[in-house]
PDB file of all heavy atoms in Angstrom:
ATOM      1  N   ALA A   1      -9.646  -7.119  -7.193  1.00  0.00           N
ATOM      2  CA  ALA A   1     -10.309  -6.573  -8.388  1.00  0.00           C
ATOM      3  C   ALA A   1      -9.644  -5.424  -9.011  1.00  0.00           C
ATOM      4  O   ALA A   1      -9.654  -5.231 -10.156  1.00  0.00           O
ATOM      5  CB  ALA A   1     -11.741  -6.400  -8.148  1.00  0.00           C
ATOM      6  N   ALA A   2      -8.894  -4.695  -8.157  1.00  0.00           N
ATOM      7  CA  ALA A   2      -8.253  -3.453  -8.635  1.00  0.00           C
ATOM      8  C   ALA A   2      -6.807  -3.732  -9.331  1.00  0.00           C
ATOM      9  O   ALA A   2      -6.396  -4.773  -9.077  1.00  0.00           O
ATOM     10  CB  ALA A   2      -8.049  -2.500  -7.448  1.00  0.00           C
ATOM     11  N   ASP A   3      -6.302  -2.733 -10.100  1.00  0.00           N
ATOM     12  CA  ASP A   3      -5.069  -2.960 -10.748  1.00  0.00           C
ATOM     13  C   ASP A   3      -4.016  -2.872  -9.663  1.00  0.00           C
ATOM     14  O   ASP A   3      -3.110  -3.576  -9.776  1.00  0.00           O
ATOM     15  CB  ASP A   3      -4.897  -1.843 -11.711  1.00  0.00           C
ATOM     16  CG  ASP A   3      -5.933  -1.951 -12.812  1.00  0.00           C
ATOM     17  OD1 ASP A   3      -5.984  -3.006 -13.501  1.00  0.00           O
ATOM     18  OD2 ASP A   3      -6.377  -0.872 -13.193  1.00  0.00           O
ATOM     19  N   VAL A   4      -4.127  -1.983  -8.609  1.00  0.00           N
ATOM     20  CA  VAL A   4      -3.154  -1.836  -7.519  1.00  0.00           C
ATOM     21  C   VAL A   4      -3.899  -2.006  -6.210  1.00  0.00           C
ATOM     22  O   VAL A   4      -4.950  -1.397  -6.063  1.00  0.00           O
ATOM     23  CB  VAL A   4      -2.422  -0.538  -7.536  1.00  0.00           C
ATOM     24  CG1 VAL A   4      -1.509  -0.390  -6.400  1.00  0.00           C
ATOM     25  CG2 VAL A   4      -1.665  -0.392  -8.954  1.00  0.00           C
ATOM     26  N   GLY A   5      -3.600  -2.957  -5.451  1.00  0.00           N
ATOM     27  CA  GLY A   5      -4.256  -3.033  -4.192  1.00  0.00           C
ATOM     28  C   GLY A   5      -3.195  -2.712  -2.937  1.00  0.00           C
ATOM     29  O   GLY A   5      -2.208  -3.106  -2.985  1.00  0.00           O
ATOM     30  N   ILE A   6      -3.686  -1.991  -2.003  1.00  0.00           N
ATOM     31  CA  ILE A   6      -3.077  -1.583  -0.793  1.00  0.00           C
ATOM     32  C   ILE A   6      -3.678  -2.158   0.376  1.00  0.00           C
ATOM     33  O   ILE A   6      -5.045  -1.760   0.562  1.00  0.00           O
ATOM     34  CB  ILE A   6      -2.843  -0.032  -0.800  1.00  0.00           C
ATOM     35  CG1 ILE A   6      -2.115   0.287  -2.040  1.00  0.00           C
ATOM     36  CG2 ILE A   6      -2.126   0.330   0.497  1.00  0.00           C
ATOM     37  CD1 ILE A   6      -1.955   1.919  -2.124  1.00  0.00           C
ATOM     38  N   GLY A   7      -3.104  -2.840   1.215  1.00  0.00           N
ATOM     39  CA  GLY A   7      -3.559  -3.362   2.495  1.00  0.00           C
ATOM     40  C   GLY A   7      -3.072  -2.523   3.718  1.00  0.00           C
ATOM     41  O   GLY A   7      -1.868  -2.311   3.732  1.00  0.00           O
ATOM     42  N   ILE A   8      -3.909  -2.301   4.551  1.00  0.00           N
ATOM     43  CA  ILE A   8      -3.503  -1.533   5.800  1.00  0.00           C
ATOM     44  C   ILE A   8      -3.582  -2.543   6.897  1.00  0.00           C
ATOM     45  O   ILE A   8      -4.635  -3.202   7.132  1.00  0.00           O
ATOM     46  CB  ILE A   8      -4.482  -0.299   6.006  1.00  0.00           C
ATOM     47  CG1 ILE A   8      -4.363   0.690   4.835  1.00  0.00           C
ATOM     48  CG2 ILE A   8      -4.057   0.380   7.366  1.00  0.00           C
ATOM     49  CD1 ILE A   8      -5.421   1.675   5.051  1.00  0.00           C
ATOM     50  N   SER A   9      -2.478  -2.812   7.543  1.00  0.00           N
ATOM     51  CA  SER A   9      -2.320  -3.750   8.621  1.00  0.00           C
ATOM     52  C   SER A   9      -2.985  -3.075   9.730  1.00  0.00           C
ATOM     53  O   SER A   9      -2.543  -1.955  10.250  1.00  0.00           O
ATOM     54  CB  SER A   9      -0.944  -4.175   8.964  1.00  0.00           C
ATOM     55  OG  SER A   9      -0.060  -3.006   9.194  1.00  0.00           O
ATOM     56  N   GLY A  10      -3.965  -3.769  10.499  1.00  0.00           N
ATOM     57  CA  GLY A  10      -4.620  -3.038  11.531  1.00  0.00           C
ATOM     58  C   GLY A  10      -5.231  -4.039  12.446  1.00  0.00           C
ATOM     59  O   GLY A  10      -4.874  -5.162  12.509  1.00  0.00           O
ATOM     60  N   GLN A  11      -6.246  -3.659  13.147  1.00  0.00           N
ATOM     61  CA  GLN A  11      -6.963  -4.365  14.030  1.00  0.00           C
ATOM     62  C   GLN A  11      -7.799  -5.559  13.580  1.00  0.00           C
ATOM     63  O   GLN A  11      -8.269  -6.385  14.199  1.00  0.00           O
ATOM     64  CB  GLN A  11      -7.868  -3.458  15.058  1.00  0.00           C
ATOM     65  CG  GLN A  11      -6.888  -2.424  15.759  1.00  0.00           C
ATOM     66  CD  GLN A  11      -7.857  -1.489  16.538  1.00  0.00           C
ATOM     67  OE1 GLN A  11      -8.988  -1.369  16.345  1.00  0.00           O
ATOM     68  NE2 GLN A  11      -7.192  -0.640  17.292  1.00  0.00           N
ATOM     69  N   GLU A  12      -8.248  -5.307  12.302  1.00  0.00           N
ATOM     70  CA  GLU A  12      -9.172  -6.225  11.686  1.00  0.00           C
ATOM     71  C   GLU A  12      -8.410  -7.509  11.190  1.00  0.00           C
ATOM     72  O   GLU A  12      -9.016  -8.389  10.565  1.00  0.00           O
ATOM     73  CB  GLU A  12      -9.925  -5.635  10.551  1.00  0.00           C
ATOM     74  CG  GLU A  12     -10.927  -4.605  11.064  1.00  0.00           C
ATOM     75  CD  GLU A  12     -11.825  -4.170   9.946  1.00  0.00           C
ATOM     76  OE1 GLU A  12     -12.231  -4.971   9.102  1.00  0.00           O
ATOM     77  OE2 GLU A  12     -12.174  -3.026   9.841  1.00  0.00           O
ATOM     78  N   GLY A  13      -7.161  -7.593  11.294  1.00  0.00           N
ATOM     79  CA  GLY A  13      -6.417  -8.832  10.898  1.00  0.00           C
ATOM     80  C   GLY A  13      -5.522  -8.502   9.666  1.00  0.00           C
ATOM     81  O   GLY A  13      -5.316  -7.315   9.251  1.00  0.00           O
ATOM     82  N   MET A  14      -4.973  -9.506   9.054  1.00  0.00           N
ATOM     83  CA  MET A  14      -3.974  -9.398   8.055  1.00  0.00           C
ATOM     84  C   MET A  14      -4.486  -9.869   6.691  1.00  0.00           C
ATOM     85  O   MET A  14      -3.689  -9.996   5.734  1.00  0.00           O
ATOM     86  CB  MET A  14      -2.696 -10.103   8.310  1.00  0.00           C
ATOM     87  CG  MET A  14      -2.013  -9.713   9.600  1.00  0.00           C
ATOM     88  SD  MET A  14      -1.368  -8.029   9.478  1.00  0.00           S
ATOM     89  CE  MET A  14      -0.010  -8.416   8.409  1.00  0.00           C
ATOM     90  N   GLN A  15      -5.757 -10.183   6.505  1.00  0.00           N
ATOM     91  CA  GLN A  15      -6.235 -10.833   5.262  1.00  0.00           C
ATOM     92  C   GLN A  15      -5.980  -9.660   4.046  1.00  0.00           C
ATOM     93  O   GLN A  15      -5.639 -10.072   3.049  1.00  0.00           O
ATOM     94  CB  GLN A  15      -7.726 -11.044   5.329  1.00  0.00           C
ATOM     95  CG  GLN A  15      -8.041 -12.329   6.163  1.00  0.00           C
ATOM     96  CD  GLN A  15      -8.135 -12.012   7.672  1.00  0.00           C
ATOM     97  OE1 GLN A  15      -7.977 -10.753   8.025  1.00  0.00           O
ATOM     98  NE2 GLN A  15      -8.520 -12.991   8.501  1.00  0.00           N
ATOM     99  N   ALA A  16      -6.356  -8.418   4.374  1.00  0.00           N
ATOM    100  CA  ALA A  16      -6.211  -7.487   3.349  1.00  0.00           C
ATOM    101  C   ALA A  16      -4.667  -7.224   2.956  1.00  0.00           C
ATOM    102  O   ALA A  16      -4.372  -7.075   1.751  1.00  0.00           O
ATOM    103  CB  ALA A  16      -6.784  -6.036   3.771  1.00  0.00           C
ATOM    104  N   VAL A  17      -3.894  -7.310   3.913  1.00  0.00           N
ATOM    105  CA  VAL A  17      -2.470  -7.169   3.671  1.00  0.00           C
ATOM    106  C   VAL A  17      -1.943  -8.341   2.878  1.00  0.00           C
ATOM    107  O   VAL A  17      -1.136  -8.149   1.954  1.00  0.00           O
ATOM    108  CB  VAL A  17      -1.564  -7.028   5.000  1.00  0.00           C
ATOM    109  CG1 VAL A  17      -0.103  -7.078   4.880  1.00  0.00           C
ATOM    110  CG2 VAL A  17      -1.933  -5.829   5.628  1.00  0.00           C
ATOM    111  N   MET A  18      -2.410  -9.528   3.166  1.00  0.00           N
ATOM    112  CA  MET A  18      -1.997 -10.660   2.393  1.00  0.00           C
ATOM    113  C   MET A  18      -2.347 -10.697   1.021  1.00  0.00           C
ATOM    114  O   MET A  18      -1.775 -11.367   0.088  1.00  0.00           O
ATOM    115  CB  MET A  18      -2.410 -12.026   3.150  1.00  0.00           C
ATOM    116  CG  MET A  18      -1.571 -12.087   4.427  1.00  0.00           C
ATOM    117  SD  MET A  18      -2.267 -13.468   5.477  1.00  0.00           S
ATOM    118  CE  MET A  18      -1.907 -14.809   4.468  1.00  0.00           C
ATOM    119  N   ALA A  19      -3.585 -10.124   0.684  1.00  0.00           N
ATOM    120  CA  ALA A  19      -4.104 -10.103  -0.654  1.00  0.00           C
ATOM    121  C   ALA A  19      -3.677  -8.865  -1.447  1.00  0.00           C
ATOM    122  O   ALA A  19      -3.965  -8.789  -2.721  1.00  0.00           O
ATOM    123  CB  ALA A  19      -5.679 -10.115  -0.473  1.00  0.00           C
ATOM    124  N   SER A  20      -2.923  -8.013  -0.874  1.00  0.00           N
ATOM    125  CA  SER A  20      -2.558  -6.642  -1.557  1.00  0.00           C
ATOM    126  C   SER A  20      -1.247  -6.818  -2.197  1.00  0.00           C
ATOM    127  O   SER A  20      -0.493  -7.607  -2.024  1.00  0.00           O
ATOM    128  CB  SER A  20      -2.672  -5.671  -0.575  1.00  0.00           C
ATOM    129  OG  SER A  20      -1.564  -5.620   0.464  1.00  0.00           O
ATOM    130  N   ASP A  21      -1.012  -5.796  -3.106  1.00  0.00           N
ATOM    131  CA  ASP A  21       0.271  -5.568  -3.710  1.00  0.00           C
ATOM    132  C   ASP A  21       1.184  -4.906  -2.831  1.00  0.00           C
ATOM    133  O   ASP A  21       2.415  -5.067  -2.861  1.00  0.00           O
ATOM    134  CB  ASP A  21       0.154  -4.758  -5.016  1.00  0.00           C
ATOM    135  CG  ASP A  21      -0.775  -5.457  -6.057  1.00  0.00           C
ATOM    136  OD1 ASP A  21      -0.663  -6.693  -6.142  1.00  0.00           O
ATOM    137  OD2 ASP A  21      -1.715  -4.857  -6.633  1.00  0.00           O
ATOM    138  N   PHE A  22       0.777  -3.955  -2.046  1.00  0.00           N
ATOM    139  CA  PHE A  22       1.499  -3.159  -1.159  1.00  0.00           C
ATOM    140  C   PHE A  22       0.935  -3.083   0.231  1.00  0.00           C
ATOM    141  O   PHE A  22      -0.320  -3.115   0.290  1.00  0.00           O
ATOM    142  CB  PHE A  22       1.773  -1.678  -1.579  1.00  0.00           C
ATOM    143  CG  PHE A  22       2.275  -1.549  -2.997  1.00  0.00           C
ATOM    144  CD1 PHE A  22       1.653  -1.469  -4.127  1.00  0.00           C
ATOM    145  CD2 PHE A  22       3.745  -1.608  -2.964  1.00  0.00           C
ATOM    146  CE1 PHE A  22       2.328  -1.345  -5.311  1.00  0.00           C
ATOM    147  CE2 PHE A  22       4.459  -1.558  -4.232  1.00  0.00           C
ATOM    148  CZ  PHE A  22       3.599  -1.437  -5.445  1.00  0.00           C
ATOM    149  N   ALA A  23       1.639  -3.085   1.195  1.00  0.00           N
ATOM    150  CA  ALA A  23       1.124  -2.951   2.650  1.00  0.00           C
ATOM    151  C   ALA A  23       1.630  -1.784   3.310  1.00  0.00           C
ATOM    152  O   ALA A  23       2.926  -1.606   3.298  1.00  0.00           O
ATOM    153  CB  ALA A  23       1.507  -4.311   3.301  1.00  0.00           C
ATOM    154  N   ILE A  24       0.870  -1.163   4.050  1.00  0.00           N
ATOM    155  CA  ILE A  24       1.308  -0.050   4.770  1.00  0.00           C
ATOM    156  C   ILE A  24       0.739  -0.167   6.265  1.00  0.00           C
ATOM    157  O   ILE A  24      -0.252  -0.797   6.571  1.00  0.00           O
ATOM    158  CB  ILE A  24       0.810   1.429   4.236  1.00  0.00           C
ATOM    159  CG1 ILE A  24      -0.674   1.439   4.075  1.00  0.00           C
ATOM    160  CG2 ILE A  24       1.668   1.656   2.991  1.00  0.00           C
ATOM    161  CD1 ILE A  24      -1.109   2.786   3.445  1.00  0.00           C
ATOM    162  N   ALA A  25       1.442   0.521   7.284  1.00  0.00           N
ATOM    163  CA  ALA A  25       0.971   0.326   8.717  1.00  0.00           C
ATOM    164  C   ALA A  25      -0.263   1.224   8.907  1.00  0.00           C
ATOM    165  O   ALA A  25      -1.201   0.775   9.746  1.00  0.00           O
ATOM    166  CB  ALA A  25       2.074   0.637   9.569  1.00  0.00           C
ATOM    167  N   ARG A  26      -0.323   2.387   8.479  1.00  0.00           N
ATOM    168  CA  ARG A  26      -1.355   3.278   8.733  1.00  0.00           C
ATOM    169  C   ARG A  26      -1.720   4.013   7.379  1.00  0.00           C
ATOM    170  O   ARG A  26      -1.100   4.170   6.310  1.00  0.00           O
ATOM    171  CB  ARG A  26      -0.948   4.436   9.705  1.00  0.00           C
ATOM    172  CG  ARG A  26      -0.466   3.800  11.028  1.00  0.00           C
ATOM    173  CD  ARG A  26      -0.793   4.828  12.043  1.00  0.00           C
ATOM    174  NE  ARG A  26      -0.296   4.437  13.470  1.00  0.00           N
ATOM    175  CZ  ARG A  26      -0.683   3.298  14.205  1.00  0.00           C
ATOM    176  NH1 ARG A  26      -1.624   2.588  13.637  1.00  0.00           N
ATOM    177  NH2 ARG A  26      -0.249   3.162  15.385  1.00  0.00           N
ATOM    178  N   PHE A  27      -2.999   4.650   7.416  1.00  0.00           N
ATOM    179  CA  PHE A  27      -3.456   5.167   6.248  1.00  0.00           C
ATOM    180  C   PHE A  27      -2.604   6.437   5.897  1.00  0.00           C
ATOM    181  O   PHE A  27      -2.512   6.875   4.686  1.00  0.00           O
ATOM    182  CB  PHE A  27      -4.930   5.673   6.426  1.00  0.00           C
ATOM    183  CG  PHE A  27      -5.678   6.110   5.096  1.00  0.00           C
ATOM    184  CD1 PHE A  27      -6.157   5.118   4.286  1.00  0.00           C
ATOM    185  CD2 PHE A  27      -5.900   7.384   4.950  1.00  0.00           C
ATOM    186  CE1 PHE A  27      -6.816   5.464   3.135  1.00  0.00           C
ATOM    187  CE2 PHE A  27      -6.474   7.818   3.824  1.00  0.00           C
ATOM    188  CZ  PHE A  27      -6.942   6.868   2.830  1.00  0.00           C
ATOM    189  N   LYS A  28      -2.070   7.146   6.862  1.00  0.00           N
ATOM    190  CA  LYS A  28      -1.212   8.332   6.708  1.00  0.00           C
ATOM    191  C   LYS A  28       0.009   8.022   5.780  1.00  0.00           C
ATOM    192  O   LYS A  28       0.497   8.993   5.124  1.00  0.00           O
ATOM    193  CB  LYS A  28      -0.856   8.998   7.989  1.00  0.00           C
ATOM    194  CG  LYS A  28       0.111   8.270   8.811  1.00  0.00           C
ATOM    195  CD  LYS A  28       0.323   9.013  10.086  1.00  0.00           C
ATOM    196  CE  LYS A  28       1.457   8.239  10.824  1.00  0.00           C
ATOM    197  NZ  LYS A  28       1.829   8.881  12.040  1.00  0.00           N
ATOM    198  N   HIS A  29       0.447   6.805   5.648  1.00  0.00           N
ATOM    199  CA  HIS A  29       1.510   6.515   4.910  1.00  0.00           C
ATOM    200  C   HIS A  29       1.285   6.259   3.405  1.00  0.00           C
ATOM    201  O   HIS A  29       2.176   6.144   2.593  1.00  0.00           O
ATOM    202  CB  HIS A  29       2.230   5.204   5.281  1.00  0.00           C
ATOM    203  CG  HIS A  29       2.583   5.144   6.801  1.00  0.00           C
ATOM    204  ND1 HIS A  29       3.595   6.081   7.279  1.00  0.00           N
ATOM    205  CD2 HIS A  29       2.266   4.358   7.913  1.00  0.00           C
ATOM    206  CE1 HIS A  29       3.646   5.868   8.610  1.00  0.00           C
ATOM    207  NE2 HIS A  29       2.989   5.000   9.035  1.00  0.00           N
ATOM    208  N   LEU A  30       0.038   6.410   3.079  1.00  0.00           N
ATOM    209  CA  LEU A  30      -0.363   6.323   1.664  1.00  0.00           C
ATOM    210  C   LEU A  30       0.295   7.314   0.845  1.00  0.00           C
ATOM    211  O   LEU A  30       0.722   7.209  -0.367  1.00  0.00           O
ATOM    212  CB  LEU A  30      -1.932   6.357   1.515  1.00  0.00           C
ATOM    213  CG  LEU A  30      -2.419   6.230   0.134  1.00  0.00           C
ATOM    214  CD1 LEU A  30      -2.126   4.903  -0.489  1.00  0.00           C
ATOM    215  CD2 LEU A  30      -3.905   6.304   0.104  1.00  0.00           C
ATOM    216  N   ARG A  31       0.324   8.639   1.341  1.00  0.00           N
ATOM    217  CA  ARG A  31       0.802   9.755   0.601  1.00  0.00           C
ATOM    218  C   ARG A  31       2.339   9.471   0.099  1.00  0.00           C
ATOM    219  O   ARG A  31       2.659   9.698  -0.987  1.00  0.00           O
ATOM    220  CB  ARG A  31       0.719  10.985   1.358  1.00  0.00           C
ATOM    221  CG  ARG A  31       1.198  12.317   0.644  1.00  0.00           C
ATOM    222  CD  ARG A  31       0.745  13.479   1.468  1.00  0.00           C
ATOM    223  NE  ARG A  31       0.907  14.645   0.709  1.00  0.00           N
ATOM    224  CZ  ARG A  31       1.776  15.706   1.027  1.00  0.00           C
ATOM    225  NH1 ARG A  31       2.291  15.693   2.191  1.00  0.00           N
ATOM    226  NH2 ARG A  31       1.795  16.647   0.309  1.00  0.00           N
ATOM    227  N   LYS A  32       3.033   9.005   1.142  1.00  0.00           N
ATOM    228  CA  LYS A  32       4.464   8.745   0.838  1.00  0.00           C
ATOM    229  C   LYS A  32       4.627   7.580  -0.085  1.00  0.00           C
ATOM    230  O   LYS A  32       5.474   7.570  -1.093  1.00  0.00           O
ATOM    231  CB  LYS A  32       5.300   8.577   2.081  1.00  0.00           C
ATOM    232  CG  LYS A  32       6.654   8.385   1.769  1.00  0.00           C
ATOM    233  CD  LYS A  32       7.603   8.200   3.182  1.00  0.00           C
ATOM    234  CE  LYS A  32       9.009   8.310   2.763  1.00  0.00           C
ATOM    235  NZ  LYS A  32       9.712   8.237   3.972  1.00  0.00           N
ATOM    236  N   LEU A  33       3.854   6.566   0.021  1.00  0.00           N
ATOM    237  CA  LEU A  33       3.833   5.422  -0.823  1.00  0.00           C
ATOM    238  C   LEU A  33       3.549   5.837  -2.260  1.00  0.00           C
ATOM    239  O   LEU A  33       4.305   5.441  -3.301  1.00  0.00           O
ATOM    240  CB  LEU A  33       2.883   4.394  -0.499  1.00  0.00           C
ATOM    241  CG  LEU A  33       2.661   3.181  -1.417  1.00  0.00           C
ATOM    242  CD1 LEU A  33       4.019   2.318  -1.166  1.00  0.00           C
ATOM    243  CD2 LEU A  33       1.562   2.312  -0.930  1.00  0.00           C
ATOM    244  N   LEU A  34       2.503   6.630  -2.519  1.00  0.00           N
ATOM    245  CA  LEU A  34       2.280   6.924  -3.896  1.00  0.00           C
ATOM    246  C   LEU A  34       3.046   8.026  -4.459  1.00  0.00           C
ATOM    247  O   LEU A  34       3.673   7.902  -5.575  1.00  0.00           O
ATOM    248  CB  LEU A  34       0.814   7.542  -3.926  1.00  0.00           C
ATOM    249  CG  LEU A  34      -0.246   6.455  -3.715  1.00  0.00           C
ATOM    250  CD1 LEU A  34      -1.684   7.140  -3.696  1.00  0.00           C
ATOM    251  CD2 LEU A  34      -0.287   5.402  -4.654  1.00  0.00           C
ATOM    252  N   LEU A  35       3.284   9.176  -3.643  1.00  0.00           N
ATOM    253  CA  LEU A  35       4.122  10.336  -4.246  1.00  0.00           C
ATOM    254  C   LEU A  35       5.604  10.038  -4.358  1.00  0.00           C
ATOM    255  O   LEU A  35       6.279  10.411  -5.257  1.00  0.00           O
ATOM    256  CB  LEU A  35       3.774  11.578  -3.444  1.00  0.00           C
ATOM    257  CG  LEU A  35       2.394  12.076  -3.572  1.00  0.00           C
ATOM    258  CD1 LEU A  35       2.104  13.281  -2.667  1.00  0.00           C
ATOM    259  CD2 LEU A  35       1.918  12.336  -5.004  1.00  0.00           C
ATOM    260  N   VAL A  36       6.254   9.407  -3.254  1.00  0.00           N
ATOM    261  CA  VAL A  36       7.597   9.235  -3.179  1.00  0.00           C
ATOM    262  C   VAL A  36       8.044   7.961  -3.997  1.00  0.00           C
ATOM    263  O   VAL A  36       8.653   7.912  -4.858  1.00  0.00           O
ATOM    264  CB  VAL A  36       8.141   9.273  -1.827  1.00  0.00           C
ATOM    265  CG1 VAL A  36       9.694   9.053  -1.774  1.00  0.00           C
ATOM    266  CG2 VAL A  36       7.771  10.755  -1.106  1.00  0.00           C
ATOM    267  N   HIS A  37       7.589   6.738  -3.258  1.00  0.00           N
ATOM    268  CA  HIS A  37       7.951   5.529  -3.836  1.00  0.00           C
ATOM    269  C   HIS A  37       7.348   5.238  -5.261  1.00  0.00           C
ATOM    270  O   HIS A  37       8.081   4.496  -6.073  1.00  0.00           O
ATOM    271  CB  HIS A  37       7.693   4.326  -2.899  1.00  0.00           C
ATOM    272  CG  HIS A  37       8.341   4.620  -1.550  1.00  0.00           C
ATOM    273  ND1 HIS A  37       9.697   4.349  -1.441  1.00  0.00           N
ATOM    274  CD2 HIS A  37       7.865   4.900  -0.349  1.00  0.00           C
ATOM    275  CE1 HIS A  37      10.098   4.511  -0.140  1.00  0.00           C
ATOM    276  NE2 HIS A  37       8.958   4.917   0.491  1.00  0.00           N
ATOM    277  N   GLY A  38       6.155   5.692  -5.483  1.00  0.00           N
ATOM    278  CA  GLY A  38       5.543   5.588  -6.868  1.00  0.00           C
ATOM    279  C   GLY A  38       6.359   6.285  -7.994  1.00  0.00           C
ATOM    280  O   GLY A  38       6.641   5.659  -9.042  1.00  0.00           O
ATOM    281  N   HIS A  39       6.738   7.547  -7.561  1.00  0.00           N
ATOM    282  CA  HIS A  39       7.639   8.459  -8.611  1.00  0.00           C
ATOM    283  C   HIS A  39       9.021   7.643  -8.763  1.00  0.00           C
ATOM    284  O   HIS A  39       9.372   7.537  -9.916  1.00  0.00           O
ATOM    285  CB  HIS A  39       7.839   9.750  -8.014  1.00  0.00           C
ATOM    286  CG  HIS A  39       8.697  10.526  -8.805  1.00  0.00           C
ATOM    287  ND1 HIS A  39       8.288  11.256  -9.906  1.00  0.00           N
ATOM    288  CD2 HIS A  39       9.989  10.852  -8.820  1.00  0.00           C
ATOM    289  CE1 HIS A  39       9.219  11.868 -10.548  1.00  0.00           C
ATOM    290  NE2 HIS A  39      10.268  11.570  -9.824  1.00  0.00           N
ATOM    291  N   TRP A  40       9.685   7.327  -7.750  1.00  0.00           N
ATOM    292  CA  TRP A  40      10.796   6.562  -7.948  1.00  0.00           C
ATOM    293  C   TRP A  40      10.878   5.350  -8.640  1.00  0.00           C
ATOM    294  O   TRP A  40      11.677   4.986  -9.614  1.00  0.00           O
ATOM    295  CB  TRP A  40      11.498   6.318  -6.560  1.00  0.00           C
ATOM    296  CG  TRP A  40      12.066   7.479  -5.771  1.00  0.00           C
ATOM    297  CD1 TRP A  40      12.413   8.673  -6.399  1.00  0.00           C
ATOM    298  CD2 TRP A  40      12.466   7.617  -4.415  1.00  0.00           C
ATOM    299  NE1 TRP A  40      12.861   9.708  -5.287  1.00  0.00           N
ATOM    300  CE2 TRP A  40      12.857   8.883  -4.198  1.00  0.00           C
ATOM    301  CE3 TRP A  40      12.392   6.775  -3.298  1.00  0.00           C
ATOM    302  CZ2 TRP A  40      13.360   9.413  -2.998  1.00  0.00           C
ATOM    303  CZ3 TRP A  40      12.742   7.207  -2.085  1.00  0.00           C
ATOM    304  CH2 TRP A  40      13.267   8.467  -1.886  1.00  0.00           C
ATOM    305  N   CYS A  41       9.804   4.499  -8.395  1.00  0.00           N
ATOM    306  CA  CYS A  41       9.517   3.260  -9.140  1.00  0.00           C
ATOM    307  C   CYS A  41       9.375   3.587 -10.618  1.00  0.00           C
ATOM    308  O   CYS A  41       9.892   2.813 -11.549  1.00  0.00           O
ATOM    309  CB  CYS A  41       8.390   2.512  -8.516  1.00  0.00           C
ATOM    310  SG  CYS A  41       8.156   0.924  -9.314  1.00  0.00           S
ATOM    311  N   TYR A  42       8.635   4.457 -10.829  1.00  0.00           N
ATOM    312  CA  TYR A  42       8.240   4.814 -12.318  1.00  0.00           C
ATOM    313  C   TYR A  42       9.407   5.293 -13.038  1.00  0.00           C
ATOM    314  O   TYR A  42       9.706   4.746 -14.154  1.00  0.00           O
ATOM    315  CB  TYR A  42       7.096   5.933 -12.222  1.00  0.00           C
ATOM    316  CG  TYR A  42       6.652   6.147 -13.671  1.00  0.00           C
ATOM    317  CD1 TYR A  42       5.510   5.400 -14.081  1.00  0.00           C
ATOM    318  CD2 TYR A  42       7.094   7.098 -14.584  1.00  0.00           C
ATOM    319  CE1 TYR A  42       5.061   5.556 -15.368  1.00  0.00           C
ATOM    320  CE2 TYR A  42       6.629   7.339 -15.798  1.00  0.00           C
ATOM    321  CZ  TYR A  42       5.593   6.495 -16.269  1.00  0.00           C
ATOM    322  OH  TYR A  42       5.009   6.669 -17.464  1.00  0.00           O
ATOM    323  N   THR A  43      10.203   6.083 -12.426  1.00  0.00           N
ATOM    324  CA  THR A  43      11.531   6.555 -13.075  1.00  0.00           C
ATOM    325  C   THR A  43      12.490   5.456 -13.294  1.00  0.00           C
ATOM    326  O   THR A  43      13.250   5.414 -14.213  1.00  0.00           O
ATOM    327  CB  THR A  43      12.120   7.847 -12.386  1.00  0.00           C
ATOM    328  OG1 THR A  43      12.448   7.392 -11.050  1.00  0.00           O
ATOM    329  CG2 THR A  43      11.284   9.015 -12.481  1.00  0.00           C
ATOM    330  N   ARG A  44      12.751   4.719 -12.279  1.00  0.00           N
ATOM    331  CA  ARG A  44      13.610   3.437 -12.336  1.00  0.00           C
ATOM    332  C   ARG A  44      13.049   2.552 -13.485  1.00  0.00           C
ATOM    333  O   ARG A  44      14.050   2.217 -14.236  1.00  0.00           O
ATOM    334  CB  ARG A  44      13.679   2.769 -10.930  1.00  0.00           C
ATOM    335  CG  ARG A  44      14.392   3.484  -9.885  1.00  0.00           C
ATOM    336  CD  ARG A  44      14.258   2.803  -8.606  1.00  0.00           C
ATOM    337  NE  ARG A  44      14.709   3.569  -7.488  1.00  0.00           N
ATOM    338  CZ  ARG A  44      14.460   3.304  -6.254  1.00  0.00           C
ATOM    339  NH1 ARG A  44      13.625   2.386  -5.847  1.00  0.00           N
ATOM    340  NH2 ARG A  44      14.969   4.123  -5.265  1.00  0.00           N
TER     341      ARG A  44
END
């Protein structure tokens, strides 16, 4: 339902990752995904 979906691969399975736009291994990687890769993607 969201404009951007992020799935975290974890113990509950891969359903969220398969339905998402981006996948990360842990919640702590969200900061780098948004601030670094999001900025680079926007400028590119």
